[in-house]
All heavy atoms as atom14 arrays in JSON, in Angstrom:
{
  "sequence": "IEVQHVQSVDGQQVALNGAEQILKGTYASQGMQAQMGAA",
  "atom14_mask": [
    [1, 1, 1, 1, 1, 1, 1, 1, 0, 0, 0, 0, 0, 0],
    [1, 1, 1, 1, 1, 1, 1, 1, 1, 0, 0, 0, 0, 0],
    [1, 1, 1, 1, 1, 1, 1, 0, 0, 0, 0, 0, 0, 0],
    [1, 1, 1, 1, 1, 1, 1, 1, 1, 0, 0, 0, 0, 0],
    [1, 1, 1, 1, 1, 1, 1, 1, 1, 1, 0, 0, 0, 0],
    [1, 1, 1, 1, 1, 1, 1, 0, 0, 0, 0, 0, 0, 0],
    [1, 1, 1, 1, 1, 1, 1, 1, 1, 0, 0, 0, 0, 0],
    [1, 1, 1, 1, 1, 1, 0, 0, 0, 0, 0, 0, 0, 0],
    [1, 1, 1, 1, 1, 1, 1, 0, 0, 0, 0, 0, 0, 0],
    [1, 1, 1, 1, 1, 1, 1, 1, 0, 0, 0, 0, 0, 0],
    [1, 1, 1, 1, 0, 0, 0, 0, 0, 0, 0, 0, 0, 0],
    [1, 1, 1, 1, 1, 1, 1, 1, 1, 0, 0, 0, 0, 0],
    [1, 1, 1, 1, 1, 1, 1, 1, 1, 0, 0, 0, 0, 0],
    [1, 1, 1, 1, 1, 1, 1, 0, 0, 0, 0, 0, 0, 0],
    [1, 1, 1, 1, 1, 0, 0, 0, 0, 0, 0, 0, 0, 0],
    [1, 1, 1, 1, 1, 1, 1, 1, 0, 0, 0, 0, 0, 0],
    [1, 1, 1, 1, 1, 1, 1, 1, 0, 0, 0, 0, 0, 0],
    [1, 1, 1, 1, 0, 0, 0, 0, 0, 0, 0, 0, 0, 0],
    [1, 1, 1, 1, 1, 0, 0, 0, 0, 0, 0, 0, 0, 0],
    [1, 1, 1, 1, 1, 1, 1, 1, 1, 0, 0, 0, 0, 0],
    [1, 1, 1, 1, 1, 1, 1, 1, 1, 0, 0, 0, 0, 0],
    [1, 1, 1, 1, 1, 1, 1, 1, 0, 0, 0, 0, 0, 0],
    [1, 1, 1, 1, 1, 1, 1, 1, 0, 0, 0, 0, 0, 0],
    [1, 1, 1, 1, 1, 1, 1, 1, 1, 0, 0, 0, 0, 0],
    [1, 1, 1, 1, 0, 0, 0, 0, 0, 0, 0, 0, 0, 0],
    [1, 1, 1, 1, 1, 1, 1, 0, 0, 0, 0, 0, 0, 0],
    [1, 1, 1, 1, 1, 1, 1, 1, 1, 1, 1, 1, 0, 0],
    [1, 1, 1, 1, 1, 0, 0, 0, 0, 0, 0, 0, 0, 0],
    [1, 1, 1, 1, 1, 1, 0, 0, 0, 0, 0, 0, 0, 0],
    [1, 1, 1, 1, 1, 1, 1, 1, 1, 0, 0, 0, 0, 0],
    [1, 1, 1, 1, 0, 0, 0, 0, 0, 0, 0, 0, 0, 0],
    [1, 1, 1, 1, 1, 1, 1, 1, 0, 0, 0, 0, 0, 0],
    [1, 1, 1, 1, 1, 1, 1, 1, 1, 0, 0, 0, 0, 0],
    [1, 1, 1, 1, 1, 0, 0, 0, 0, 0, 0, 0, 0, 0],
    [1, 1, 1, 1, 1, 1, 1, 1, 1, 0, 0, 0, 0, 0],
    [1, 1, 1, 1, 1, 1, 1, 1, 0, 0, 0, 0, 0, 0],
    [1, 1, 1, 1, 0, 0, 0, 0, 0, 0, 0, 0, 0, 0],
    [1, 1, 1, 1, 1, 0, 0, 0, 0, 0, 0, 0, 0, 0],
    [1, 1, 1, 1, 1, 0, 0, 0, 0, 0, 0, 0, 0, 0]
  ],
  "atom14_positions": [
    [[94.82, 113.83, 92.02], [94.46, 112.48, 91.58], [92.95, 112.33, 91.51], [92.22, 112.83, 92.37], [95.04, 111.42, 92.54], [96.56, 111.48, 92.5], [94.55, 110.03, 92.18], [97.22, 110.53, 93.44], [0.0, 0.0, 0.0], [0.0, 0.0, 0.0], [0.0, 0.0, 0.0], [0.0, 0.0, 0.0], [0.0, 0.0, 0.0], [0.0, 0.0, 0.0]],
    [[92.5, 111.61, 90.49], [91.08, 111.32, 90.32], [90.93, 109.8, 90.21], [91.45, 109.19, 89.28], [90.62, 112.0, 89.03], [89.18, 111.82, 88.69], [88.84, 112.58, 87.41], [89.45, 112.3, 86.37], [87.96, 113.45, 87.48], [0.0, 0.0, 0.0], [0.0, 0.0, 0.0], [0.0, 0.0, 0.0], [0.0, 0.0, 0.0], [0.0, 0.0, 0.0]],
    [[90.24, 109.18, 91.2], [89.99, 107.75, 91.16], [88.78, 107.52, 90.27], [87.77, 108.19, 90.41], [89.75, 107.18, 92.58], [89.55, 105.69, 92.53], [90.91, 107.53, 93.5], [0.0, 0.0, 0.0], [0.0, 0.0, 0.0], [0.0, 0.0, 0.0], [0.0, 0.0, 0.0], [0.0, 0.0, 0.0], [0.0, 0.0, 0.0], [0.0, 0.0, 0.0]],
    [[88.88, 106.54, 89.32], [87.83, 106.41, 88.31], [86.98, 105.15, 88.42], [85.77, 105.22, 88.23], [88.47, 106.47, 86.92], [89.12, 107.82, 86.67], [89.85, 107.87, 85.36], [90.54, 106.93, 84.99], [89.69, 108.96, 84.64], [0.0, 0.0, 0.0], [0.0, 0.0, 0.0], [0.0, 0.0, 0.0], [0.0, 0.0, 0.0], [0.0, 0.0, 0.0]],
    [[87.57, 103.98, 88.65], [86.75, 102.76, 88.74], [87.45, 101.68, 89.54], [88.66, 101.72, 89.77], [86.33, 102.23, 87.37], [87.45, 102.08, 86.39], [88.49, 101.21, 86.54], [87.69, 102.72, 85.24], [89.32, 101.31, 85.53], [88.86, 102.21, 84.72], [0.0, 0.0, 0.0], [0.0, 0.0, 0.0], [0.0, 0.0, 0.0], [0.0, 0.0, 0.0]],
    [[86.63, 100.7, 89.99], [87.11, 99.57, 90.79], [86.43, 98.31, 90.26], [85.33, 98.38, 89.71], [86.82, 99.78, 92.29], [85.33, 99.8, 92.58], [87.52, 98.74, 93.15], [0.0, 0.0, 0.0], [0.0, 0.0, 0.0], [0.0, 0.0, 0.0], [0.0, 0.0, 0.0], [0.0, 0.0, 0.0], [0.0, 0.0, 0.0], [0.0, 0.0, 0.0]],
    [[87.08, 97.17, 90.45], [86.52, 95.91, 89.96], [85.7, 95.23, 91.05], [86.18, 95.03, 92.17], [87.64, 94.98, 89.5], [87.13, 93.74, 88.82], [88.26, 92.93, 88.21], [89.41, 93.16, 88.47], [87.9, 91.96, 87.39], [0.0, 0.0, 0.0], [0.0, 0.0, 0.0], [0.0, 0.0, 0.0], [0.0, 0.0, 0.0], [0.0, 0.0, 0.0]],
    [[84.46, 94.85, 90.72], [83.58, 94.15, 91.66], [83.85, 92.65, 91.59], [84.6, 92.19, 90.74], [82.12, 94.46, 91.36], [81.77, 93.94, 90.1], [0.0, 0.0, 0.0], [0.0, 0.0, 0.0], [0.0, 0.0, 0.0], [0.0, 0.0, 0.0], [0.0, 0.0, 0.0], [0.0, 0.0, 0.0], [0.0, 0.0, 0.0], [0.0, 0.0, 0.0]],
    [[83.19, 91.87, 92.47], [83.41, 90.42, 92.51], [82.96, 89.72, 91.24], [83.46, 88.64, 90.92], [82.75, 89.76, 93.75], [83.4, 90.22, 95.02], [81.25, 89.99, 93.76], [0.0, 0.0, 0.0], [0.0, 0.0, 0.0], [0.0, 0.0, 0.0], [0.0, 0.0, 0.0], [0.0, 0.0, 0.0], [0.0, 0.0, 0.0], [0.0, 0.0, 0.0]],
    [[82.03, 90.31, 90.48], [81.59, 89.68, 89.23], [82.41, 90.15, 88.02], [82.11, 89.81, 86.89], [80.09, 89.88, 89.0], [79.7, 91.33, 88.83], [80.56, 92.24, 88.94], [78.51, 91.59, 88.58], [0.0, 0.0, 0.0], [0.0, 0.0, 0.0], [0.0, 0.0, 0.0], [0.0, 0.0, 0.0], [0.0, 0.0, 0.0], [0.0, 0.0, 0.0]],
    [[83.45, 90.94, 88.28], [84.37, 91.34, 87.22], [84.06, 92.64, 86.52], [84.86, 93.12, 85.72], [0.0, 0.0, 0.0], [0.0, 0.0, 0.0], [0.0, 0.0, 0.0], [0.0, 0.0, 0.0], [0.0, 0.0, 0.0], [0.0, 0.0, 0.0], [0.0, 0.0, 0.0], [0.0, 0.0, 0.0], [0.0, 0.0, 0.0], [0.0, 0.0, 0.0]],
    [[82.92, 93.25, 86.81], [82.6, 94.5, 86.12], [83.34, 95.68, 86.75], [83.74, 95.65, 87.9], [81.1, 94.75, 86.11], [80.47, 95.03, 87.46], [79.0, 95.32, 87.34], [78.58, 96.17, 86.57], [78.19, 94.59, 88.1], [0.0, 0.0, 0.0], [0.0, 0.0, 0.0], [0.0, 0.0, 0.0], [0.0, 0.0, 0.0], [0.0, 0.0, 0.0]],
    [[83.53, 96.72, 85.96], [84.18, 97.94, 86.44], [83.11, 98.88, 86.99], [82.24, 99.32, 86.24], [84.96, 98.62, 85.3], [86.08, 97.79, 84.74], [87.16, 97.48, 85.78], [87.57, 98.34, 86.55], [87.59, 96.24, 85.83], [0.0, 0.0, 0.0], [0.0, 0.0, 0.0], [0.0, 0.0, 0.0], [0.0, 0.0, 0.0], [0.0, 0.0, 0.0]],
    [[83.18, 99.17, 88.27], [82.22, 100.04, 88.93], [82.78, 101.46, 88.91], [83.89, 101.7, 89.39], [81.96, 99.59, 90.38], [81.02, 100.55, 91.09], [81.41, 98.17, 90.41], [0.0, 0.0, 0.0], [0.0, 0.0, 0.0], [0.0, 0.0, 0.0], [0.0, 0.0, 0.0], [0.0, 0.0, 0.0], [0.0, 0.0, 0.0], [0.0, 0.0, 0.0]],
    [[82.01, 102.39, 88.34], [82.45, 103.79, 88.26], [82.5, 104.41, 89.65], [81.59, 104.22, 90.46], [81.51, 104.58, 87.36], [0.0, 0.0, 0.0], [0.0, 0.0, 0.0], [0.0, 0.0, 0.0], [0.0, 0.0, 0.0], [0.0, 0.0, 0.0], [0.0, 0.0, 0.0], [0.0, 0.0, 0.0], [0.0, 0.0, 0.0], [0.0, 0.0, 0.0]],
    [[83.58, 105.14, 89.91], [83.74, 105.83, 91.19], [83.64, 107.33, 90.97], [83.95, 107.83, 89.9], [85.09, 105.47, 91.82], [85.27, 104.0, 92.16], [86.67, 103.75, 92.71], [84.23, 103.54, 93.17], [0.0, 0.0, 0.0], [0.0, 0.0, 0.0], [0.0, 0.0, 0.0], [0.0, 0.0, 0.0], [0.0, 0.0, 0.0], [0.0, 0.0, 0.0]],
    [[83.22, 108.02, 92.02], [83.11, 109.46, 91.96], [84.49, 110.04, 91.74], [85.41, 109.77, 92.5], [82.51, 109.98, 93.26], [82.15, 111.44, 93.19], [82.47, 112.13, 92.23], [81.48, 111.91, 94.21], [0.0, 0.0, 0.0], [0.0, 0.0, 0.0], [0.0, 0.0, 0.0], [0.0, 0.0, 0.0], [0.0, 0.0, 0.0], [0.0, 0.0, 0.0]],
    [[84.64, 110.83, 90.71], [85.94, 111.39, 90.35], [86.34, 112.6, 91.17], [87.0, 113.49, 90.64], [0.0, 0.0, 0.0], [0.0, 0.0, 0.0], [0.0, 0.0, 0.0], [0.0, 0.0, 0.0], [0.0, 0.0, 0.0], [0.0, 0.0, 0.0], [0.0, 0.0, 0.0], [0.0, 0.0, 0.0], [0.0, 0.0, 0.0], [0.0, 0.0, 0.0]],
    [[85.94, 112.65, 92.43], [86.32, 113.78, 93.27], [87.84, 113.87, 93.34], [88.52, 112.89, 93.63], [85.73, 113.64, 94.67], [0.0, 0.0, 0.0], [0.0, 0.0, 0.0], [0.0, 0.0, 0.0], [0.0, 0.0, 0.0], [0.0, 0.0, 0.0], [0.0, 0.0, 0.0], [0.0, 0.0, 0.0], [0.0, 0.0, 0.0], [0.0, 0.0, 0.0]],
    [[88.35, 115.02, 93.04], [89.79, 115.23, 93.01], [90.37, 115.15, 94.43], [89.84, 115.73, 95.36], [90.07, 116.6, 92.42], [91.51, 116.95, 92.29], [91.69, 118.3, 91.65], [91.2, 118.49, 90.52], [92.3, 119.17, 92.3], [0.0, 0.0, 0.0], [0.0, 0.0, 0.0], [0.0, 0.0, 0.0], [0.0, 0.0, 0.0], [0.0, 0.0, 0.0]],
    [[91.46, 114.41, 94.55], [92.16, 114.32, 95.82], [93.56, 114.85, 95.6], [94.19, 114.57, 94.58], [92.17, 112.89, 96.32], [90.75, 112.4, 96.54], [90.69, 111.08, 97.26], [91.49, 110.79, 98.13], [89.72, 110.28, 96.9], [0.0, 0.0, 0.0], [0.0, 0.0, 0.0], [0.0, 0.0, 0.0], [0.0, 0.0, 0.0], [0.0, 0.0, 0.0]],
    [[94.05, 115.62, 96.56], [95.34, 116.28, 96.41], [96.35, 115.66, 97.37], [96.1, 115.57, 98.57], [95.22, 117.79, 96.68], [94.23, 118.41, 95.69], [96.59, 118.45, 96.59], [93.9, 119.86, 95.98], [0.0, 0.0, 0.0], [0.0, 0.0, 0.0], [0.0, 0.0, 0.0], [0.0, 0.0, 0.0], [0.0, 0.0, 0.0], [0.0, 0.0, 0.0]],
    [[97.45, 115.19, 96.79], [98.57, 114.71, 97.59], [99.62, 115.81, 97.57], [100.07, 116.23, 96.5], [99.14, 113.41, 97.02], [98.15, 112.25, 96.9], [98.82, 111.06, 96.23], [97.63, 111.86, 98.27], [0.0, 0.0, 0.0], [0.0, 0.0, 0.0], [0.0, 0.0, 0.0], [0.0, 0.0, 0.0], [0.0, 0.0, 0.0], [0.0, 0.0, 0.0]],
    [[99.97, 116.29, 98.76], [100.84, 117.46, 98.86], [102.15, 117.08, 99.53], [102.17, 116.31, 100.48], [100.11, 118.53, 99.69], [100.77, 119.86, 99.74], [99.88, 120.85, 100.47], [100.51, 122.22, 100.46], [99.64, 123.21, 101.12], [0.0, 0.0, 0.0], [0.0, 0.0, 0.0], [0.0, 0.0, 0.0], [0.0, 0.0, 0.0], [0.0, 0.0, 0.0]],
    [[103.23, 117.66, 99.04], [104.54, 117.44, 99.63], [104.64, 118.07, 101.01], [103.75, 118.79, 101.46], [0.0, 0.0, 0.0], [0.0, 0.0, 0.0], [0.0, 0.0, 0.0], [0.0, 0.0, 0.0], [0.0, 0.0, 0.0], [0.0, 0.0, 0.0], [0.0, 0.0, 0.0], [0.0, 0.0, 0.0], [0.0, 0.0, 0.0], [0.0, 0.0, 0.0]],
    [[105.75, 117.82, 101.68], [105.93, 118.29, 103.05], [106.6, 119.65, 103.14], [106.18, 120.5, 103.93], [106.78, 117.27, 103.84], [106.19, 115.98, 103.7], [106.84, 117.62, 105.32], [0.0, 0.0, 0.0], [0.0, 0.0, 0.0], [0.0, 0.0, 0.0], [0.0, 0.0, 0.0], [0.0, 0.0, 0.0], [0.0, 0.0, 0.0], [0.0, 0.0, 0.0]],
    [[107.61, 119.89, 102.33], [108.42, 121.1, 102.47], [108.31, 122.01, 101.26], [108.28, 121.54, 100.12], [109.89, 120.73, 102.69], [110.09, 119.86, 103.9], [110.4, 118.52, 103.76], [109.94, 120.38, 105.18], [110.57, 117.71, 104.87], [110.1, 119.58, 106.29], [110.41, 118.25, 106.14], [110.56, 117.45, 107.24], [0.0, 0.0, 0.0], [0.0, 0.0, 0.0]],
    [[108.26, 123.31, 101.51], [108.19, 124.31, 100.44], [109.38, 124.16, 99.51], [110.47, 123.77, 99.92], [108.15, 125.71, 101.04], [0.0, 0.0, 0.0], [0.0, 0.0, 0.0], [0.0, 0.0, 0.0], [0.0, 0.0, 0.0], [0.0, 0.0, 0.0], [0.0, 0.0, 0.0], [0.0, 0.0, 0.0], [0.0, 0.0, 0.0], [0.0, 0.0, 0.0]],
    [[109.14, 124.44, 98.25], [110.12, 124.41, 97.16], [110.7, 123.02, 96.88], [111.73, 122.9, 96.24], [111.24, 125.43, 97.38], [112.11, 125.01, 98.42], [0.0, 0.0, 0.0], [0.0, 0.0, 0.0], [0.0, 0.0, 0.0], [0.0, 0.0, 0.0], [0.0, 0.0, 0.0], [0.0, 0.0, 0.0], [0.0, 0.0, 0.0], [0.0, 0.0, 0.0]],
    [[110.04, 121.98, 97.37], [110.49, 120.62, 97.11], [109.38, 119.79, 96.47], [108.2, 120.12, 96.6], [110.95, 119.94, 98.4], [112.21, 120.55, 98.98], [112.71, 119.75, 100.18], [112.08, 118.78, 100.59], [113.83, 120.16, 100.73], [0.0, 0.0, 0.0], [0.0, 0.0, 0.0], [0.0, 0.0, 0.0], [0.0, 0.0, 0.0], [0.0, 0.0, 0.0]],
    [[109.77, 118.73, 95.81], [108.82, 117.81, 95.21], [108.1, 117.02, 96.28], [108.33, 117.19, 97.48], [0.0, 0.0, 0.0], [0.0, 0.0, 0.0], [0.0, 0.0, 0.0], [0.0, 0.0, 0.0], [0.0, 0.0, 0.0], [0.0, 0.0, 0.0], [0.0, 0.0, 0.0], [0.0, 0.0, 0.0], [0.0, 0.0, 0.0], [0.0, 0.0, 0.0]],
    [[107.23, 116.16, 95.85], [106.5, 115.33, 96.82], [106.6, 113.86, 96.42], [106.83, 113.53, 95.28], [105.03, 115.75, 96.94], [104.17, 115.57, 95.72], [103.49, 113.93, 95.41], [102.82, 113.48, 96.95], [0.0, 0.0, 0.0], [0.0, 0.0, 0.0], [0.0, 0.0, 0.0], [0.0, 0.0, 0.0], [0.0, 0.0, 0.0], [0.0, 0.0, 0.0]],
    [[106.43, 113.01, 97.43], [106.43, 111.57, 97.21], [105.34, 110.96, 98.07], [105.31, 111.16, 99.28], [107.79, 110.97, 97.58], [107.88, 109.5, 97.27], [109.28, 108.95, 97.52], [110.08, 109.54, 98.21], [109.57, 107.81, 96.93], [0.0, 0.0, 0.0], [0.0, 0.0, 0.0], [0.0, 0.0, 0.0], [0.0, 0.0, 0.0], [0.0, 0.0, 0.0]],
    [[104.43, 110.22, 97.44], [103.37, 109.49, 98.15], [103.78, 108.02, 98.15], [103.96, 107.42, 97.1], [102.03, 109.69, 97.47], [0.0, 0.0, 0.0], [0.0, 0.0, 0.0], [0.0, 0.0, 0.0], [0.0, 0.0, 0.0], [0.0, 0.0, 0.0], [0.0, 0.0, 0.0], [0.0, 0.0, 0.0], [0.0, 0.0, 0.0], [0.0, 0.0, 0.0]],
    [[103.93, 107.46, 99.32], [104.4, 106.08, 99.46], [103.31, 105.08, 99.09], [102.13, 105.33, 99.29], [104.86, 105.82, 100.89], [106.07, 106.62, 101.31], [107.31, 106.26, 100.51], [107.54, 105.1, 100.18], [108.09, 107.26, 100.17], [0.0, 0.0, 0.0], [0.0, 0.0, 0.0], [0.0, 0.0, 0.0], [0.0, 0.0, 0.0], [0.0, 0.0, 0.0]],
    [[103.76, 103.93, 98.59], [102.85, 102.82, 98.36], [102.15, 102.51, 99.68], [102.79, 102.51, 100.73], [103.64, 101.6, 97.88], [102.78, 100.41, 97.57], [103.65, 99.05, 96.76], [104.92, 98.66, 97.91], [0.0, 0.0, 0.0], [0.0, 0.0, 0.0], [0.0, 0.0, 0.0], [0.0, 0.0, 0.0], [0.0, 0.0, 0.0], [0.0, 0.0, 0.0]],
    [[100.85, 102.32, 99.64], [100.08, 102.05, 100.85], [99.38, 103.27, 101.42], [98.6, 103.15, 102.37], [0.0, 0.0, 0.0], [0.0, 0.0, 0.0], [0.0, 0.0, 0.0], [0.0, 0.0, 0.0], [0.0, 0.0, 0.0], [0.0, 0.0, 0.0], [0.0, 0.0, 0.0], [0.0, 0.0, 0.0], [0.0, 0.0, 0.0], [0.0, 0.0, 0.0]],
    [[99.63, 104.45, 100.84], [98.95, 105.66, 101.32], [97.44, 105.51, 101.12], [96.98, 105.03, 100.09], [99.47, 106.89, 100.57], [0.0, 0.0, 0.0], [0.0, 0.0, 0.0], [0.0, 0.0, 0.0], [0.0, 0.0, 0.0], [0.0, 0.0, 0.0], [0.0, 0.0, 0.0], [0.0, 0.0, 0.0], [0.0, 0.0, 0.0], [0.0, 0.0, 0.0]],
    [[96.67, 105.9, 102.13], [95.21, 105.72, 102.12], [94.52, 106.77, 101.25], [94.86, 107.94, 101.28], [94.68, 105.79, 103.53], [0.0, 0.0, 0.0], [0.0, 0.0, 0.0], [0.0, 0.0, 0.0], [0.0, 0.0, 0.0], [0.0, 0.0, 0.0], [0.0, 0.0, 0.0], [0.0, 0.0, 0.0], [0.0, 0.0, 0.0], [0.0, 0.0, 0.0]]
  ]
}
């Protein structure tokens, strides 16, 4: 995942550093699920 921008209080889109973040599943040979609210 690459986070790209966030909205400031004046409504403009602030560019965020596109550092790649990896969400990884738990068990080998299975898919992964990241729950709503994951930090």
